[in-house]
Amino acid sequence: MTTDASARAIKPELLRTYTEDFNKDRANLIAADAAVSAGVLKAATDYRGVRALPRDFSIELKQGSITNQERSGRCWMFASLNTLRYELMHRWNLEDFEFSETYLFFWDAMEKSNTYLENVLRTLDEPTDSRLFEAINWGPSDDGGWWQMFAALVNKYGLVPKSAYPESENSRNSDDFKQYLNSKLREFAAELRRRSAAGAGEDELRTLKDEYMGTVYRICAVSLGEPPEKFDFFARTKDDAEADADGKAESCKCEGKSDAKACKCDKDKSDKPKTGKDERPQIREIGITPLEFYKKYVPVGVNDFATLANAPLKNRPFNQRYRIRFSANVAEAVDMEFVNVPLDVFKKAALDQLTAGHPIWFACDCTQFALRKDGFFDQSVVRVDQLFGTEFTGDKAHGLEYGDSPSNHAMTFTGVNLGEDGKPNRWKVENSWGKDAGKDGYYVMSDAWFDRYVTELIIRKEYLDDATRALLAAEPVELDPWQPLTRRCR
């Protein structure tokens, strides 16, 4: 289409019409007063929508203290560790527990840097302005990620408690650290490409890459401190039960005895003089490695989960396994994969896992129709349609295809409320923005919001139906790294 400049411009006479129409509608003036004074979200908040989402749930899991990723893009890591710590706490009867997020953050920076340089070596013939190289070069070691990236790190490096490798200023606020690490990596990439163009062979380039990784290690160690190779672990079990050598709670020895008029165990406890000494059973490990700790104390393996997506796109048929090229953070690991399933299959897997007593890692667009300070995810709460006088009609497929609502944040489901018909009407969400966000760190999500904006679930394979489980062995369809569902959660 060829048009002149005057046809493309905003016409003055139309502007006069726009302002006349705006000012003669009283609702517009009230909306402007509210939005200009309080901001769009507060002005759009519907108290009736808030009241329709109470914070009680018919199925609710008891989790540990709320965690806080602070000013870093580690939500995917926090959500993953929150999922596993629940299992560890209840297996070993602990009141609370937190893994070290910084430990995996260190190794993620190292592995992403190595994978970036390896991808540079794989694409030496690509022009720097090709779509593929731009995707590879976009954020060499940026914070974001997915469950499968987390799993690859745990498989290789294990886990440690937070006491063994606590937070640092650069894990809490990672921008400066990652800015200069990325700058150095891009310098390395340019030199590898220059050497290749000058005739250097693969062995010479890979030797140079290994030297570069020494600099990467130095940057990571200076910023975060070196990670532990071994550490000591100490914990006490809860007062309400004792743990045996296998971490299982001991039941009352008098239970089930018909001739027991009173519980002798309770009498023994009450007769014991109180000294103020903490008598709870202890768990102690001296000089344990991160991999040993993971294998001994985490009762579920990271490979026992599968990624389900609900992406109703015409070019992404349901009931198909997909793999995204150039998406791994660990060079020798498999690229990210998911099985795309219809919404009913997607939601049933979530309900089955929560009902069985296990939390769920999930990814969504946390910015759409969300009161992130107050802790609500619901289109009936954030009535920007009423505020602006226009309907927002885009569906899930539109949001993914046009990049309007890609997944950008990972959290954990720890509860759901079922209505009289047995169907979910709201979900309890554990976030990683500290206890001052939401209600003591927890959010409530309407079921309609779940349907529209939740796009990925990490489900234990035992809670998949047979047809979906069979798809995990199907030949995957490969996707380019710029396709929908490839944006990392931060």
Protein backbone atom coordinates (compact mmCIF):
# COMPACT_ATOMS: atom_id res chain seq x y z
CA MET A 1 0.00 0.00 0.00
CA THR A 2 1.38 3.40 -1.00
CA THR A 3 0.04 6.44 0.83
CA ASP A 4 1.28 10.01 1.19
CA ALA A 5 2.44 11.49 4.48
CA SER A 6 -0.79 13.39 5.14
CA ALA A 7 -2.84 10.20 4.93
CA ARG A 8 -0.60 8.47 7.49
CA ALA A 9 -0.63 11.31 10.04
CA ILE A 10 -3.05 11.86 12.93
CA LYS A 11 -5.40 14.49 11.58
CA PRO A 12 -6.00 17.68 13.65
CA GLU A 13 -9.75 17.55 13.04
CA LEU A 14 -9.84 14.00 14.46
CA LEU A 15 -7.95 15.13 17.56
CA ARG A 16 -10.60 17.79 18.15
CA THR A 17 -13.28 15.12 17.85
CA TYR A 18 -11.43 12.83 20.27
CA THR A 19 -11.12 15.50 22.97
CA GLU A 20 -14.75 16.64 22.57
CA ASP A 21 -15.99 13.06 22.92
CA PHE A 22 -13.74 12.48 25.94
CA ASN A 23 -14.84 15.58 27.84
CA LYS A 24 -18.57 15.20 27.33
CA ASP A 25 -18.60 11.77 29.04
CA ARG A 26 -18.64 12.14 32.83
CA ALA A 27 -17.24 8.60 33.31
CA ASN A 28 -14.07 9.56 31.43
CA LEU A 29 -13.45 12.54 33.73
CA ILE A 30 -13.95 10.45 36.89
CA ALA A 31 -11.70 7.71 35.51
CA ALA A 32 -8.99 10.25 34.66
CA ASP A 33 -9.12 11.78 38.15
CA ALA A 34 -8.73 8.34 39.74
CA ALA A 35 -6.01 7.04 37.40
CA VAL A 36 -3.90 10.22 37.40
CA SER A 37 -4.04 10.41 41.21
CA ALA A 38 -3.69 6.75 42.17
CA GLY A 39 -2.34 4.95 39.10
CA VAL A 40 -4.09 2.63 36.66
CA LEU A 41 -4.15 -0.50 38.84
CA LYS A 42 -5.57 1.13 41.95
CA ALA A 43 -8.10 3.09 39.92
CA ALA A 44 -9.18 -0.10 38.16
CA THR A 45 -9.46 -2.26 41.30
CA ASP A 46 -12.97 -3.65 41.78
CA TYR A 47 -13.75 -4.29 45.44
CA ARG A 48 -16.48 -6.75 44.45
CA GLY A 49 -13.95 -8.81 42.55
CA VAL A 50 -11.64 -8.78 45.58
CA ARG A 51 -14.43 -9.97 47.87
CA ALA A 52 -15.26 -12.77 45.45
CA LEU A 53 -11.79 -14.29 45.97
CA PRO A 54 -11.44 -15.21 49.66
CA ARG A 55 -8.16 -16.67 50.81
CA ASP A 56 -9.40 -20.02 52.08
CA PHE A 57 -8.99 -23.26 50.16
CA SER A 58 -10.50 -26.71 50.51
CA ILE A 59 -7.13 -28.28 49.58
CA GLU A 60 -4.10 -26.57 51.09
CA LEU A 61 -0.49 -27.64 51.58
CA LYS A 62 1.59 -26.58 54.57
CA GLN A 63 4.72 -24.92 53.20
CA GLY A 64 7.76 -23.34 54.83
CA SER A 65 8.59 -19.66 55.17
CA ILE A 66 8.09 -17.37 52.18
CA THR A 67 11.24 -16.85 50.15
CA ASN A 68 12.42 -13.69 48.39
CA GLN A 69 14.31 -13.51 45.10
CA GLU A 70 14.69 -9.74 45.63
CA ARG A 71 16.08 -7.85 42.60
CA SER A 72 17.06 -10.87 40.55
CA GLY A 73 15.50 -12.97 37.81
CA ARG A 74 15.58 -16.25 39.74
CA CYS A 75 11.85 -16.98 40.08
CA TRP A 76 12.22 -20.26 38.15
CA MET A 77 14.90 -21.38 40.59
CA PHE A 78 12.98 -20.28 43.69
CA ALA A 79 9.79 -21.97 42.51
CA SER A 80 11.72 -25.16 41.75
CA LEU A 81 13.43 -25.20 45.14
CA ASN A 82 10.15 -24.38 46.90
CA THR A 83 8.64 -27.43 45.23
CA LEU A 84 11.45 -29.70 46.45
CA ARG A 85 11.79 -28.22 49.94
CA TYR A 86 8.16 -29.06 50.66
CA GLU A 87 8.94 -32.70 49.93
CA LEU A 88 12.12 -32.61 52.03
CA MET A 89 10.42 -30.91 55.01
CA HIS A 90 7.59 -33.42 55.17
CA ARG A 91 9.85 -36.40 54.57
CA TRP A 92 12.16 -35.44 57.43
CA ASN A 93 9.58 -33.76 59.71
CA LEU A 94 11.20 -30.31 59.66
CA GLU A 95 9.41 -27.13 60.73
CA ASP A 96 11.10 -25.09 58.02
CA PHE A 97 13.88 -25.34 55.46
CA GLU A 98 15.34 -23.40 52.55
CA PHE A 99 17.80 -24.49 49.90
CA SER A 100 20.61 -22.23 48.76
CA GLU A 101 19.44 -20.44 45.64
CA THR A 102 22.87 -18.81 45.30
CA TYR A 103 24.53 -22.20 44.90
CA LEU A 104 22.55 -23.01 41.75
CA PHE A 105 22.80 -19.36 40.64
CA PHE A 106 26.60 -19.68 40.56
CA TRP A 107 26.53 -22.85 38.48
CA ASP A 108 23.80 -21.53 36.22
CA ALA A 109 25.99 -18.53 35.36
CA MET A 110 28.90 -20.84 34.64
CA GLU A 111 26.86 -23.27 32.55
CA LYS A 112 25.02 -20.59 30.57
CA SER A 113 28.35 -18.95 29.77
CA ASN A 114 29.82 -22.24 28.56
CA THR A 115 26.72 -23.07 26.53
CA TYR A 116 26.72 -19.61 24.95
CA LEU A 117 30.32 -20.02 23.80
CA GLU A 118 29.55 -23.53 22.53
CA ASN A 119 26.58 -22.16 20.59
CA VAL A 120 28.85 -19.51 19.11
CA LEU A 121 31.13 -22.31 17.91
CA ARG A 122 28.09 -24.12 16.43
CA THR A 123 27.04 -21.05 14.45
CA LEU A 124 30.34 -19.64 13.15
CA ASP A 125 28.91 -19.46 9.63
CA GLU A 126 25.84 -17.51 10.74
CA PRO A 127 25.92 -13.74 10.10
CA THR A 128 25.66 -11.76 13.32
CA ASP A 129 22.38 -10.24 12.17
CA SER A 130 20.74 -13.59 11.42
CA ARG A 131 17.65 -14.40 13.48
CA LEU A 132 19.31 -17.46 14.96
CA PHE A 133 22.47 -15.70 16.09
CA GLU A 134 20.47 -12.79 17.48
CA ALA A 135 18.47 -15.28 19.57
CA ILE A 136 21.68 -16.91 20.85
CA ASN A 137 23.37 -13.58 21.51
CA TRP A 138 20.41 -11.87 23.18
CA GLY A 139 21.29 -12.64 26.82
CA PRO A 140 24.28 -15.00 27.10
CA SER A 141 24.08 -15.55 30.87
CA ASP A 142 20.88 -13.75 31.85
CA ASP A 143 19.05 -14.85 34.98
CA GLY A 144 15.83 -16.33 33.58
CA GLY A 145 15.08 -20.00 33.15
CA TRP A 146 12.76 -23.00 33.33
CA TRP A 147 12.30 -26.17 35.36
CA GLN A 148 14.40 -28.25 32.95
CA MET A 149 17.31 -25.85 33.37
CA PHE A 150 16.96 -26.30 37.11
CA ALA A 151 16.86 -30.09 36.72
CA ALA A 152 20.02 -30.07 34.61
CA LEU A 153 21.86 -28.11 37.30
CA VAL A 154 20.67 -30.36 40.14
CA ASN A 155 21.59 -33.51 38.22
CA LYS A 156 25.13 -32.21 37.76
CA TYR A 157 25.83 -30.22 40.93
CA GLY A 158 23.32 -31.34 43.57
CA LEU A 159 21.80 -29.09 46.22
CA VAL A 160 22.89 -27.44 49.45
CA PRO A 161 20.98 -25.80 52.32
CA LYS A 162 21.00 -22.03 52.49
CA SER A 163 23.26 -22.07 55.53
CA ALA A 164 26.03 -23.62 53.42
CA TYR A 165 25.97 -20.89 50.76
CA PRO A 166 23.86 -17.85 51.75
CA GLU A 167 22.75 -14.91 49.66
CA SER A 168 25.18 -12.21 48.58
CA GLU A 169 24.65 -8.69 47.31
CA ASN A 170 25.09 -9.87 43.72
CA SER A 171 22.64 -12.74 44.04
CA ARG A 172 20.03 -10.44 45.59
CA ASN A 173 20.62 -7.75 42.97
CA SER A 174 22.14 -9.40 39.93
CA ASP A 175 22.04 -6.73 37.22
CA ASP A 176 25.58 -5.41 37.55
CA PHE A 177 27.15 -8.86 37.83
CA LYS A 178 25.31 -10.15 34.77
CA GLN A 179 25.85 -6.97 32.75
CA TYR A 180 29.62 -7.26 32.82
CA LEU A 181 29.64 -11.04 32.52
CA ASN A 182 27.53 -10.72 29.36
CA SER A 183 29.81 -8.01 27.99
CA LYS A 184 32.85 -10.20 28.48
CA LEU A 185 31.14 -13.19 26.89
CA ARG A 186 30.28 -11.18 23.79
CA GLU A 187 33.91 -10.08 23.53
CA PHE A 188 34.91 -13.74 23.67
CA ALA A 189 32.33 -14.57 20.99
CA ALA A 190 33.69 -11.89 18.67
CA GLU A 191 37.24 -13.18 19.10
CA LEU A 192 36.20 -16.79 18.45
CA ARG A 193 34.50 -15.72 15.23
CA ARG A 194 37.51 -13.61 14.22
CA ARG A 195 39.92 -16.50 14.83
CA SER A 196 37.67 -18.84 12.88
CA ALA A 197 37.55 -16.45 9.92
CA ALA A 198 41.36 -16.31 10.05
CA GLY A 199 41.55 -20.09 9.67
CA ALA A 200 41.68 -21.42 13.25
CA GLY A 201 40.47 -25.01 13.60
CA GLU A 202 38.00 -26.49 16.07
CA ASP A 203 40.65 -27.73 18.52
CA GLU A 204 42.31 -24.31 18.68
CA LEU A 205 38.97 -22.54 19.18
CA ARG A 206 37.85 -24.94 21.91
CA THR A 207 41.18 -24.53 23.73
CA LEU A 208 40.62 -20.78 23.59
CA LYS A 209 37.08 -21.27 24.91
CA ASP A 210 38.42 -23.24 27.87
CA GLU A 211 40.76 -20.35 28.68
CA TYR A 212 37.85 -17.94 28.50
CA MET A 213 35.91 -20.05 30.97
CA GLY A 214 38.67 -19.44 33.51
CA THR A 215 37.83 -15.74 33.32
CA VAL A 216 34.13 -16.55 33.66
CA TYR A 217 34.85 -18.56 36.81
CA ARG A 218 36.83 -15.66 38.25
CA ILE A 219 33.98 -13.20 37.60
CA CYS A 220 31.45 -15.56 39.20
CA ALA A 221 33.65 -16.33 42.22
CA VAL A 222 34.42 -12.65 42.83
CA SER A 223 30.73 -11.76 42.59
CA LEU A 224 29.21 -14.65 44.58
CA GLY A 225 32.06 -16.39 46.41
CA GLU A 226 33.14 -19.91 45.54
CA PRO A 227 30.52 -22.65 46.07
CA PRO A 228 31.20 -25.37 48.66
CA GLU A 229 32.48 -28.78 47.61
CA LYS A 230 31.43 -30.22 50.98
CA PHE A 231 29.49 -28.81 53.92
CA ASP A 232 28.02 -29.67 57.31
CA PHE A 233 24.26 -29.94 57.76
CA PHE A 234 22.33 -29.63 61.01
CA ALA A 235 18.56 -29.63 61.58
CA ARG A 236 16.06 -30.47 64.32
CA THR A 237 12.78 -32.26 63.75
CA LYS A 238 9.45 -30.82 64.91
CA ASP A 239 8.15 -31.25 68.45
CA ASP A 240 4.96 -33.07 67.42
CA ALA A 241 6.78 -36.25 66.34
CA GLU A 242 10.15 -37.84 66.54
CA ALA A 243 12.03 -38.97 63.46
CA ASP A 244 13.70 -42.33 63.21
CA ALA A 245 16.97 -42.97 61.42
CA ASP A 246 15.15 -43.00 58.08
CA GLY A 247 13.43 -39.69 58.75
CA LYS A 248 10.02 -41.25 59.43
CA ALA A 249 7.89 -40.03 62.30
CA GLU A 250 7.48 -42.49 65.15
CA SER A 251 3.90 -43.12 66.27
CA CYS A 252 2.81 -43.58 69.86
CA LYS A 253 3.85 -47.02 71.11
CA CYS A 254 0.58 -47.38 73.06
CA GLU A 255 -1.59 -46.79 70.01
CA GLY A 256 -4.01 -49.66 69.30
CA LYS A 257 -3.56 -51.44 72.66
CA SER A 258 -7.00 -52.23 74.08
CA ASP A 259 -5.76 -52.50 77.66
CA ALA A 260 -4.09 -49.11 77.66
CA LYS A 261 -6.24 -46.87 79.91
CA ALA A 262 -3.87 -43.95 79.39
CA CYS A 263 -1.05 -43.30 76.99
CA LYS A 264 2.15 -44.37 78.71
CA CYS A 265 4.21 -42.46 76.14
CA ASP A 266 2.52 -39.20 77.09
CA LYS A 267 3.00 -40.01 80.78
CA ASP A 268 6.68 -40.65 80.22
CA LYS A 269 7.00 -37.31 78.49
CA SER A 270 5.08 -35.44 81.19
CA ASP A 271 7.14 -37.03 83.98
CA LYS A 272 10.39 -35.98 82.34
CA PRO A 273 11.74 -32.85 84.08
CA LYS A 274 11.91 -29.77 81.90
CA THR A 275 15.37 -28.21 81.75
CA GLY A 276 15.00 -25.74 78.91
CA LYS A 277 17.27 -27.86 76.77
CA ASP A 278 16.10 -28.50 73.22
CA GLU A 279 15.48 -32.23 73.23
CA ARG A 280 14.21 -32.57 69.68
CA PRO A 281 15.93 -35.22 67.57
CA GLN A 282 18.77 -33.94 65.45
CA ILE A 283 19.86 -34.57 61.89
CA ARG A 284 23.60 -34.07 61.48
CA GLU A 285 25.90 -34.49 58.51
CA ILE A 286 29.61 -33.70 58.50
CA GLY A 287 31.40 -33.14 55.20
CA ILE A 288 28.57 -34.16 52.87
CA THR A 289 28.76 -33.23 49.18
CA PRO A 290 25.94 -31.40 47.35
CA LEU A 291 25.12 -34.44 45.22
CA GLU A 292 25.12 -36.71 48.28
CA PHE A 293 22.80 -34.28 50.06
CA TYR A 294 20.36 -34.17 47.15
CA LYS A 295 20.25 -37.94 46.74
CA LYS A 296 19.89 -38.63 50.47
CA TYR A 297 17.51 -35.93 51.66
CA VAL A 298 15.26 -35.04 48.71
CA PRO A 299 12.65 -37.81 48.38
CA VAL A 300 11.79 -37.10 44.74
CA GLY A 301 14.10 -36.84 41.73
CA VAL A 302 14.10 -33.85 39.40
CA ASN A 303 13.82 -36.24 36.45
CA ASP A 304 10.51 -37.61 37.76
CA PHE A 305 8.65 -34.57 36.40
CA ALA A 306 7.35 -33.62 32.95
CA THR A 307 6.55 -30.23 31.42
CA LEU A 308 2.95 -29.79 30.28
CA ALA A 309 1.93 -26.77 28.21
CA ASN A 310 -1.46 -25.47 27.28
CA ALA A 311 -0.80 -23.43 24.14
CA PRO A 312 -3.88 -23.41 21.87
CA LEU A 313 -1.99 -22.41 18.73
CA LYS A 314 -2.88 -23.68 15.25
CA ASN A 315 0.77 -24.41 14.46
CA ARG A 316 1.29 -26.21 17.80
CA PRO A 317 -1.23 -29.09 17.73
CA PHE A 318 -2.23 -30.64 21.03
CA ASN A 319 -1.03 -34.09 22.10
CA GLN A 320 2.41 -33.56 20.63
CA ARG A 321 5.87 -33.44 22.17
CA TYR A 322 8.03 -30.42 21.27
CA ARG A 323 11.71 -29.55 21.72
CA ILE A 324 13.15 -26.02 21.51
CA ARG A 325 16.54 -25.73 19.80
CA PHE A 326 19.38 -23.88 21.57
CA SER A 327 17.40 -23.67 24.82
CA ALA A 328 19.56 -25.70 27.24
CA ASN A 329 21.64 -23.98 29.92
CA VAL A 330 23.94 -26.99 30.39
CA ALA A 331 25.73 -27.79 27.12
CA GLU A 332 25.52 -31.58 27.45
CA ALA A 333 21.86 -31.56 28.58
CA VAL A 334 18.81 -32.01 26.37
CA ASP A 335 17.10 -28.87 25.09
CA MET A 336 13.85 -27.81 26.75
CA GLU A 337 10.86 -30.01 25.95
CA PHE A 338 7.13 -29.91 26.62
CA VAL A 339 3.97 -31.79 25.76
CA ASN A 340 1.16 -29.55 24.55
CA VAL A 341 -2.19 -30.74 25.91
CA PRO A 342 -5.81 -29.47 25.96
CA LEU A 343 -6.94 -27.43 28.93
CA ASP A 344 -8.98 -30.22 30.52
CA VAL A 345 -5.98 -32.58 30.57
CA PHE A 346 -3.74 -29.73 31.76
CA LYS A 347 -6.00 -28.82 34.67
CA LYS A 348 -6.77 -32.39 35.72
CA ALA A 349 -3.06 -33.11 36.14
CA ALA A 350 -2.75 -30.08 38.41
CA LEU A 351 -5.75 -31.10 40.51
CA ASP A 352 -4.57 -34.69 40.83
CA GLN A 353 -1.13 -33.64 42.04
CA LEU A 354 -2.42 -31.09 44.56
CA THR A 355 -5.06 -33.49 45.83
CA ALA A 356 -2.33 -36.06 46.40
CA GLY A 357 -0.47 -33.52 48.55
CA HIS A 358 2.29 -32.21 46.27
CA PRO A 359 2.92 -28.58 45.19
CA ILE A 360 3.23 -27.61 41.53
CA TRP A 361 5.74 -25.42 39.67
CA PHE A 362 3.93 -23.32 37.08
CA ALA A 363 4.64 -20.46 34.67
CA CYS A 364 2.36 -17.62 33.63
CA ASP A 365 2.24 -13.98 32.61
CA CYS A 366 2.17 -12.37 36.05
CA THR A 367 1.59 -8.85 34.68
CA GLN A 368 -1.85 -9.26 33.13
CA PHE A 369 -4.87 -8.30 35.25
CA ALA A 370 -2.80 -8.70 38.40
CA LEU A 371 -2.58 -6.79 41.66
CA ARG A 372 0.97 -7.83 42.40
CA LYS A 373 1.22 -5.85 45.63
CA ASP A 374 -2.09 -7.04 47.08
CA GLY A 375 -1.90 -10.58 45.74
CA PHE A 376 -4.70 -11.08 43.21
CA PHE A 377 -4.70 -12.62 39.74
CA ASP A 378 -8.15 -12.07 38.24
CA GLN A 379 -9.68 -10.09 35.40
CA SER A 380 -12.72 -9.34 37.60
CA VAL A 381 -10.47 -7.59 40.12
CA VAL A 382 -8.49 -5.41 37.69
CA ARG A 383 -11.28 -3.74 35.70
CA VAL A 384 -9.21 -1.79 33.23
CA ASP A 385 -12.02 -2.42 30.76
CA GLN A 386 -14.30 -0.23 32.86
CA LEU A 387 -11.56 2.31 33.53
CA PHE A 388 -10.67 2.81 29.87
CA GLY A 389 -14.13 2.12 28.44
CA THR A 390 -12.97 -0.68 26.14
CA GLU A 391 -13.12 -4.47 26.18
CA PHE A 392 -9.98 -6.62 26.22
CA THR A 393 -11.02 -9.62 24.16
CA GLY A 394 -7.74 -11.36 23.29
CA ASP A 395 -7.73 -15.07 24.12
CA LYS A 396 -4.85 -17.34 25.13
CA ALA A 397 -3.81 -18.08 21.55
CA HIS A 398 -3.73 -14.37 20.73
CA GLY A 399 -1.62 -13.62 23.80
CA LEU A 400 0.98 -16.20 22.81
CA GLU A 401 1.02 -15.58 19.07
CA TYR A 402 1.32 -11.81 19.37
CA GLY A 403 3.62 -11.80 22.39
CA ASP A 404 1.06 -10.02 24.56
CA SER A 405 1.03 -12.56 27.39
CA PRO A 406 4.10 -14.80 27.25
CA SER A 407 5.14 -16.66 30.36
CA ASN A 408 7.47 -14.44 32.34
CA HIS A 409 7.26 -15.65 35.93
CA ALA A 410 7.30 -18.98 37.76
CA MET A 411 5.57 -19.66 41.08
CA THR A 412 4.16 -22.61 43.01
CA PHE A 413 0.60 -23.81 43.49
CA THR A 414 0.08 -24.85 47.11
CA GLY A 415 -3.69 -25.03 47.26
CA VAL A 416 -6.99 -25.03 45.39
CA ASN A 417 -10.60 -24.49 46.35
CA LEU A 418 -13.23 -26.83 44.94
CA GLY A 419 -16.84 -25.71 44.58
CA GLU A 420 -19.94 -27.78 45.26
CA ASP A 421 -19.61 -29.27 41.79
CA GLY A 422 -16.08 -30.48 42.59
CA LYS A 423 -14.50 -28.08 40.12
CA PRO A 424 -11.82 -25.52 41.03
CA ASN A 425 -12.83 -21.87 41.41
CA ARG A 426 -9.62 -20.41 42.86
CA TRP A 427 -5.99 -21.39 43.42
CA LYS A 428 -3.48 -20.64 46.16
CA VAL A 429 -0.13 -19.38 44.88
CA GLU A 430 3.19 -19.28 46.72
CA ASN A 431 5.34 -16.49 45.32
CA SER A 432 9.01 -15.60 45.85
CA TRP A 433 8.72 -11.84 46.37
CA GLY A 434 8.91 -11.90 50.16
CA LYS A 435 6.18 -11.89 52.82
CA ASP A 436 5.21 -8.26 52.18
CA ALA A 437 3.87 -9.06 48.71
CA GLY A 438 0.34 -10.41 48.54
CA LYS A 439 -1.04 -11.77 51.81
CA ASP A 440 2.03 -12.89 53.77
CA GLY A 441 3.67 -13.82 50.46
CA TYR A 442 0.70 -15.79 49.09
CA TYR A 443 -1.60 -14.90 46.18
CA VAL A 444 -5.06 -15.99 45.13
CA MET A 445 -5.84 -16.75 41.47
CA SER A 446 -9.28 -17.16 39.95
CA ASP A 447 -9.88 -20.27 37.89
CA ALA A 448 -10.73 -18.11 34.86
CA TRP A 449 -7.31 -16.44 35.16
CA PHE A 450 -5.68 -19.89 35.37
CA ASP A 451 -7.36 -20.86 32.10
CA ARG A 452 -6.24 -17.69 30.32
CA TYR A 453 -2.71 -17.01 31.57
CA VAL A 454 -1.15 -20.20 33.03
CA THR A 455 0.78 -21.87 30.21
CA GLU A 456 3.17 -24.40 31.79
CA LEU A 457 2.92 -26.93 34.63
CA ILE A 458 5.61 -29.23 36.00
CA ILE A 459 3.82 -32.47 36.86
CA ARG A 460 5.11 -35.63 38.49
CA LYS A 461 4.86 -38.34 35.87
CA GLU A 462 2.77 -40.53 38.15
CA TYR A 463 -0.10 -37.99 37.89
CA LEU A 464 -0.19 -37.94 34.09
CA ASP A 465 -2.87 -39.92 32.30
CA ASP A 466 -1.67 -42.84 30.20
CA ALA A 467 -2.05 -41.03 26.88
CA THR A 468 -0.01 -38.02 28.03
CA ARG A 469 2.65 -40.21 29.63
CA ALA A 470 3.04 -42.09 26.34
CA LEU A 471 3.76 -38.80 24.55
CA LEU A 472 6.93 -38.37 26.60
CA ALA A 473 8.51 -41.09 24.46
CA ALA A 474 7.24 -39.73 21.13
CA GLU A 475 9.62 -38.20 18.60
CA PRO A 476 9.69 -34.45 19.36
CA VAL A 477 8.92 -31.71 16.86
CA GLU A 478 11.80 -29.21 16.92
CA LEU A 479 11.02 -25.51 17.36
CA ASP A 480 13.19 -22.47 16.72
CA PRO A 481 14.39 -20.54 19.79
CA TRP A 482 12.27 -17.46 18.98
CA GLN A 483 8.92 -19.29 18.91
CA PRO A 484 6.17 -18.75 21.54
CA LEU A 485 6.84 -20.44 24.90
CA THR A 486 10.60 -19.81 24.66
CA ARG A 487 10.83 -16.73 26.85
CA ARG A 488 12.58 -17.44 30.14
CA CYS A 489 10.83 -16.84 33.45
CA ARG A 490 12.45 -14.23 35.66
